Amino acid sequence: MRTHSSINKSIRAMNESRKWMDAIKARDGRCIRCGSRENLESHHEPSFAQLLVRFDIRSRYDARRKADQLWSLDHGFALCAQCHYSEHGRSGVAPPFPRIVEPKQCVCCGASFVVRPSLQRGQWGKCCSRECADTMRSSRQAARGNPNWKGGLTTVECLSCNTSFSVKPAIIKRGGGRFCSRSCLRRFHNENR
């Protein structure tokens, strides 16, 4: 049997809940406490957990069956993020939303651009556009500036047919890159049994 908190989360994830939140924000249009029109959120009154108990809702099926009662617009109002934060008894200030991000410089063309906070780490957010990223990947100059650059493809001879072919150095390091094809690999193994 699921706990009350998991049922609460599951029902809050339903489309009906999202529609209710959007309808509350559209109806009020501003925070009922301070009048702000920025960062509106919908607040349940009474609390969502109390509504689940009041209407005896124990599953998503029950929630859909009693949708008119559970998601009535009489059970909520709009608050700004700051007022909603304090409404739930949290001290301090709500975290700013959205986060302010300083502009970055494109490693390919040098243009200034802004990246979403979620994409700032790792390899994302180094180029201002997909075209610059493609140019950087295909350009040998840009590749040589990459710390993972190992010198490009290496030419080696197949152990079975003695033809030359190109392979990445990382494949050779892992013990591969000795045969130009699978058929040469099979032939070599059959001959050396």
Protein backbone atom coordinates (compact mmCIF):
# COMPACT_ATOMS: atom_id res chain seq x y z
CA MET A 1 0.00 0.00 0.00
CA ARG A 2 1.28 3.44 -0.90
CA THR A 3 1.88 6.13 1.68
CA HIS A 4 -0.11 9.35 1.85
CA SER A 5 2.80 11.41 0.58
CA SER A 6 3.32 9.21 -2.50
CA ILE A 7 -0.42 9.37 -3.31
CA ASN A 8 -0.31 13.15 -2.81
CA LYS A 9 2.64 13.46 -5.24
CA SER A 10 1.03 11.11 -7.75
CA ILE A 11 -2.25 13.04 -7.82
CA ARG A 12 -0.44 16.40 -8.00
CA ALA A 13 1.32 15.11 -11.16
CA MET A 14 -2.01 14.58 -12.96
CA ASN A 15 -3.08 16.82 -15.86
CA GLU A 16 -6.17 17.88 -13.94
CA SER A 17 -3.95 19.35 -11.22
CA ARG A 18 -1.94 21.36 -13.78
CA LYS A 19 -5.18 22.65 -15.34
CA TRP A 20 -6.45 23.65 -11.89
CA MET A 21 -3.24 25.59 -11.16
CA ASP A 22 -3.41 27.38 -14.52
CA ALA A 23 -7.10 28.23 -13.99
CA ILE A 24 -6.41 29.68 -10.51
CA LYS A 25 -3.60 31.90 -11.84
CA ALA A 26 -5.73 33.00 -14.82
CA ARG A 27 -8.74 33.75 -12.60
CA ASP A 28 -6.87 35.86 -10.03
CA GLY A 29 -4.23 37.35 -12.32
CA ARG A 30 -2.26 38.72 -9.37
CA CYS A 31 -1.12 37.80 -5.88
CA ILE A 32 -4.02 38.24 -3.46
CA ARG A 33 -1.60 39.31 -0.68
CA CYS A 34 0.68 41.89 -2.31
CA GLY A 35 -0.86 42.42 -5.76
CA SER A 36 2.24 41.34 -7.70
CA ARG A 37 1.76 39.92 -11.19
CA GLU A 38 5.23 38.28 -11.28
CA ASN A 39 5.97 34.56 -10.61
CA LEU A 40 2.41 33.57 -9.71
CA GLU A 41 1.76 30.21 -8.05
CA SER A 42 -1.50 28.56 -7.00
CA HIS A 43 -2.09 27.84 -3.32
CA HIS A 44 -4.55 25.29 -1.88
CA GLU A 45 -6.81 26.41 0.94
CA PRO A 46 -7.49 24.06 2.75
CA SER A 47 -4.28 22.14 2.10
CA PHE A 48 -4.20 19.48 -0.60
CA ALA A 49 -3.66 16.74 2.00
CA GLN A 50 -6.75 17.91 3.91
CA LEU A 51 -8.79 17.84 0.68
CA LEU A 52 -7.71 14.25 0.01
CA VAL A 53 -8.91 13.23 3.49
CA ARG A 54 -12.14 15.26 3.25
CA PHE A 55 -13.17 13.65 -0.07
CA ASP A 56 -11.78 10.18 0.88
CA ILE A 57 -9.36 10.06 -2.07
CA ARG A 58 -6.88 7.19 -1.88
CA SER A 59 -5.82 6.77 -5.52
CA ARG A 60 -5.63 8.52 -8.88
CA TYR A 61 -8.84 6.71 -9.82
CA ASP A 62 -10.65 8.29 -6.85
CA ALA A 63 -9.21 11.68 -7.79
CA ARG A 64 -10.58 11.41 -11.34
CA ARG A 65 -13.95 10.22 -10.06
CA LYS A 66 -14.23 13.19 -7.67
CA ALA A 67 -12.42 15.72 -9.89
CA ASP A 68 -15.19 18.36 -9.65
CA GLN A 69 -14.91 18.42 -5.85
CA LEU A 70 -11.12 18.09 -5.57
CA TRP A 71 -10.18 20.67 -8.19
CA SER A 72 -12.89 23.19 -7.54
CA LEU A 73 -11.66 26.78 -7.99
CA ASP A 74 -13.11 27.53 -4.54
CA HIS A 75 -10.20 25.59 -2.99
CA GLY A 76 -7.41 27.92 -4.00
CA PHE A 77 -6.03 31.34 -4.82
CA ALA A 78 -2.99 32.84 -6.50
CA LEU A 79 0.10 33.98 -4.60
CA CYS A 80 3.43 35.28 -5.83
CA ALA A 81 6.43 33.05 -5.09
CA GLN A 82 7.50 35.25 -2.16
CA CYS A 83 4.08 35.25 -0.48
CA HIS A 84 3.60 31.53 -1.17
CA TYR A 85 6.97 30.88 0.45
CA SER A 86 5.96 32.75 3.61
CA GLU A 87 2.42 31.29 3.57
CA HIS A 88 3.89 27.86 4.28
CA GLY A 89 5.83 29.19 7.28
CA ARG A 90 9.26 29.20 5.69
CA SER A 91 11.55 31.88 7.00
CA GLY A 92 13.79 33.88 4.73
CA VAL A 93 13.35 34.86 1.16
CA ALA A 94 12.27 32.59 -1.67
CA PRO A 95 15.08 31.75 -4.07
CA PRO A 96 15.14 34.15 -7.04
CA PHE A 97 13.54 32.81 -10.19
CA PRO A 98 14.78 32.76 -12.89
CA ARG A 99 18.46 32.81 -11.94
CA ILE A 100 20.49 35.66 -13.39
CA VAL A 101 23.28 34.37 -15.58
CA GLU A 102 26.30 36.26 -16.78
CA PRO A 103 26.99 36.16 -20.52
CA LYS A 104 29.64 33.79 -21.88
CA GLN A 105 31.92 34.13 -24.88
CA CYS A 106 31.68 31.65 -27.78
CA VAL A 107 34.90 29.63 -28.15
CA CYS A 108 34.42 29.48 -31.93
CA CYS A 109 33.40 32.98 -33.08
CA GLY A 110 33.89 35.04 -29.89
CA ALA A 111 30.29 36.31 -29.76
CA SER A 112 28.69 36.99 -26.37
CA PHE A 113 25.69 34.80 -25.41
CA VAL A 114 23.68 33.66 -22.39
CA VAL A 115 23.16 30.00 -21.42
CA ARG A 116 20.39 28.53 -19.27
CA PRO A 117 21.68 27.69 -15.76
CA SER A 118 21.04 23.98 -16.29
CA LEU A 119 23.39 23.93 -19.30
CA GLN A 120 26.30 25.84 -17.81
CA ARG A 121 28.28 22.82 -16.64
CA GLY A 122 30.14 20.39 -18.84
CA GLN A 123 30.55 20.66 -22.56
CA TRP A 124 27.26 22.50 -23.16
CA GLY A 125 27.28 26.23 -23.40
CA LYS A 126 30.67 26.67 -25.06
CA CYS A 127 29.29 27.81 -28.44
CA CYS A 128 26.65 30.42 -29.20
CA SER A 129 24.86 28.33 -31.86
CA ARG A 130 24.67 24.89 -33.41
CA GLU A 131 26.57 26.18 -36.46
CA CYS A 132 29.50 27.27 -34.26
CA ALA A 133 29.44 23.93 -32.43
CA ASP A 134 29.53 22.04 -35.74
CA THR A 135 32.35 24.25 -36.99
CA MET A 136 34.32 23.67 -33.80
CA ARG A 137 33.87 19.89 -34.03
CA SER A 138 34.90 19.72 -37.68
CA SER A 139 37.79 22.19 -37.48
CA ARG A 140 41.19 20.61 -36.85
CA GLN A 141 42.40 23.84 -35.25
CA ALA A 142 39.59 23.77 -32.68
CA ALA A 143 40.18 20.06 -32.09
CA ARG A 144 43.85 20.65 -31.32
CA GLY A 145 42.78 23.17 -28.66
CA ASN A 146 40.69 20.46 -27.01
CA PRO A 147 42.50 18.78 -24.06
CA ASN A 148 41.15 15.38 -25.20
CA TRP A 149 42.73 15.70 -28.66
CA LYS A 150 45.08 12.77 -29.26
CA GLY A 151 46.37 13.74 -32.71
CA GLY A 152 43.56 12.51 -34.94
CA LEU A 153 43.40 9.19 -36.74
CA THR A 154 46.43 6.91 -36.83
CA THR A 155 47.32 4.76 -39.86
CA VAL A 156 47.97 1.09 -39.06
CA GLU A 157 48.35 -2.16 -41.07
CA CYS A 158 45.82 -4.97 -40.83
CA LEU A 159 47.37 -8.11 -39.28
CA SER A 160 45.45 -10.34 -41.68
CA CYS A 161 45.57 -8.69 -45.15
CA ASN A 162 48.37 -6.10 -44.61
CA THR A 163 46.28 -3.21 -45.98
CA SER A 164 46.57 0.24 -44.38
CA PHE A 165 43.58 1.79 -42.61
CA SER A 166 42.90 4.65 -40.17
CA VAL A 167 41.79 4.22 -36.57
CA LYS A 168 41.43 6.39 -33.47
CA PRO A 169 44.33 6.21 -30.97
CA ALA A 170 41.90 5.40 -28.15
CA ILE A 171 40.84 2.19 -29.92
CA ILE A 172 44.47 1.10 -30.24
CA LYS A 173 45.04 1.90 -26.56
CA ARG A 174 42.13 -0.40 -25.62
CA GLY A 175 43.71 -3.23 -27.63
CA GLY A 176 41.61 -2.88 -30.79
CA GLY A 177 42.35 -1.50 -34.23
CA ARG A 178 44.45 -4.45 -35.42
CA PHE A 179 42.10 -5.56 -38.23
CA CYS A 180 40.50 -3.53 -41.04
CA SER A 181 37.26 -5.55 -40.98
CA ARG A 182 35.43 -8.34 -39.18
CA SER A 183 36.12 -10.72 -42.00
CA CYS A 184 39.89 -10.14 -41.56
CA LEU A 185 39.49 -10.71 -37.81
CA ARG A 186 37.66 -14.04 -38.44
CA ARG A 187 40.20 -15.11 -41.04
CA PHE A 188 43.08 -14.38 -38.64
CA HIS A 189 41.46 -16.34 -35.81
CA ASN A 190 40.67 -19.30 -38.09
CA GLU A 191 44.27 -19.43 -39.35
CA ASN A 192 45.76 -19.27 -35.85
CA ARG A 193 43.72 -21.99 -34.18
